[in-house]
């Protein structure tokens, strides 16, 4: 296996990059829940993360770090409720969450993670 594996590479970015035993996911947005609530979008994003991690042979229990961007800190608790129900107990990653304007107005949350294989 090459020392760098790219999953779904495109002209601008890959959805995942694996280097040795570390997996880097691109920021995921709610493509299946555009314009929906923060709860529904967070669920959709986490489903994408689960799928991508599975495709490269790992899972959320191996998360090392997460960076979360949300468009409105007033919805922080709503996003956290979904995150807390999803994250692997006892295996919580380092995490940062900031308020930011995302690339398109129909998205309320974007999450990027790094995981061990």
Protein backbone atom coordinates (compact mmCIF):
# COMPACT_ATOMS: atom_id res chain seq x y z
CA UNK A 1 0.00 0.00 0.00
CA UNK A 2 1.32 3.48 -0.78
CA UNK A 3 2.17 5.60 2.24
CA UNK A 4 -0.65 8.01 1.28
CA UNK A 5 -4.12 6.82 0.26
CA UNK A 6 -6.77 9.27 -0.99
CA UNK A 7 -10.50 8.51 -0.86
CA UNK A 8 -12.76 10.19 -3.43
CA UNK A 9 -10.09 12.59 -4.70
CA UNK A 10 -11.28 15.56 -6.69
CA UNK A 11 -9.62 18.55 -8.33
CA UNK A 12 -9.82 20.60 -5.11
CA UNK A 13 -9.78 18.06 -2.27
CA UNK A 14 -10.14 14.43 -1.21
CA UNK A 15 -12.87 13.32 1.18
CA UNK A 16 -10.31 11.38 3.23
CA UNK A 17 -6.56 10.99 3.26
CA UNK A 18 -4.81 8.14 5.04
CA UNK A 19 -1.14 8.50 5.91
CA UNK A 20 0.38 5.54 7.73
CA UNK A 21 -2.21 4.85 10.46
CA UNK A 22 -3.78 8.31 10.60
CA UNK A 23 -7.01 9.24 8.80
CA UNK A 24 -7.82 12.86 7.95
CA UNK A 25 -11.37 13.67 6.83
CA UNK A 26 -12.31 16.78 4.89
CA UNK A 27 -14.88 19.02 6.54
CA UNK A 28 -18.27 17.36 6.15
CA UNK A 29 -21.50 19.29 5.60
CA UNK A 30 -25.09 18.06 5.55
CA UNK A 31 -25.49 17.28 1.85
CA UNK A 32 -28.48 15.08 2.72
CA UNK A 33 -30.13 17.68 4.96
CA UNK A 34 -29.46 21.06 3.33
CA UNK A 35 -31.53 23.80 4.93
CA UNK A 36 -32.77 21.48 7.72
CA UNK A 37 -32.43 22.12 11.46
CA UNK A 38 -29.10 22.10 13.30
CA UNK A 39 -30.11 18.74 14.82
CA UNK A 40 -30.85 17.14 11.44
CA UNK A 41 -27.74 18.60 9.83
CA UNK A 42 -25.48 17.43 12.66
CA UNK A 43 -26.98 13.93 12.40
CA UNK A 44 -26.37 13.92 8.63
CA UNK A 45 -22.77 15.10 9.02
CA UNK A 46 -22.03 12.46 11.65
CA UNK A 47 -23.53 9.78 9.41
CA UNK A 48 -21.12 10.89 6.64
CA UNK A 49 -18.21 10.74 9.07
CA UNK A 50 -19.20 7.21 10.15
CA UNK A 51 -19.42 6.13 6.50
CA UNK A 52 -16.05 7.61 5.50
CA UNK A 53 -14.27 6.24 8.55
CA UNK A 54 -15.73 2.82 7.78
CA UNK A 55 -14.53 3.01 4.18
CA UNK A 56 -10.94 3.38 5.36
CA UNK A 57 -11.20 0.74 8.08
CA UNK A 58 -11.71 2.66 11.29
CA UNK A 59 -14.55 4.15 13.36
CA UNK A 60 -15.52 6.94 15.75
CA UNK A 61 -13.97 5.13 18.74
CA UNK A 62 -10.58 5.93 17.16
CA UNK A 63 -11.12 9.71 16.81
CA UNK A 64 -8.11 11.83 17.77
CA UNK A 65 -9.47 15.32 17.12
CA UNK A 66 -12.51 17.13 15.78
CA UNK A 67 -12.98 20.67 14.53
CA UNK A 68 -16.56 21.93 14.38
CA UNK A 69 -17.76 25.10 12.71
CA UNK A 70 -21.31 26.30 13.39
CA UNK A 71 -23.00 29.36 11.97
CA UNK A 72 -24.61 30.51 15.24
CA UNK A 73 -23.35 29.88 18.79
CA UNK A 74 -26.95 30.22 19.98
CA UNK A 75 -27.37 26.71 18.47
CA UNK A 76 -24.30 25.26 20.21
CA UNK A 77 -26.37 23.21 22.69
CA UNK A 78 -28.50 21.77 19.87
CA UNK A 79 -25.40 20.57 18.01
CA UNK A 80 -23.84 19.28 21.23
CA UNK A 81 -26.92 17.17 22.07
CA UNK A 82 -26.46 15.26 18.81
CA UNK A 83 -22.67 15.07 19.20
CA UNK A 84 -22.92 13.80 22.80
CA UNK A 85 -25.35 11.04 21.77
CA UNK A 86 -23.03 10.00 18.91
CA UNK A 87 -19.50 10.20 20.28
CA UNK A 88 -17.98 6.96 21.60
CA UNK A 89 -18.11 7.01 25.44
CA UNK A 90 -14.64 6.98 26.94
CA UNK A 91 -13.09 7.75 23.54
CA UNK A 92 -13.83 11.45 23.16
CA UNK A 93 -11.39 13.31 20.91
CA UNK A 94 -9.71 16.66 21.38
CA UNK A 95 -12.22 19.15 20.02
CA UNK A 96 -12.61 22.76 18.98
CA UNK A 97 -15.87 24.47 18.05
CA UNK A 98 -16.11 27.95 16.58
CA UNK A 99 -18.74 30.16 15.03
CA UNK A 100 -18.08 30.81 11.36
CA UNK A 101 -19.77 31.72 8.11
CA UNK A 102 -19.84 28.52 6.03
CA UNK A 103 -19.41 28.22 2.26
CA UNK A 104 -23.17 28.15 1.55
CA UNK A 105 -26.07 29.58 3.57
CA UNK A 106 -28.04 26.31 3.64
CA UNK A 107 -25.37 24.72 5.86
CA UNK A 108 -25.36 25.29 9.64
CA UNK A 109 -22.55 22.95 10.70
CA UNK A 110 -19.33 21.53 9.28
CA UNK A 111 -17.16 18.95 11.02
CA UNK A 112 -13.66 17.71 10.19
CA UNK A 113 -12.02 14.86 12.12
CA UNK A 114 -8.71 13.07 12.42
CA UNK A 115 -8.71 9.42 13.51
CA UNK A 116 -6.30 6.58 14.09
CA UNK A 117 -6.69 3.54 11.88
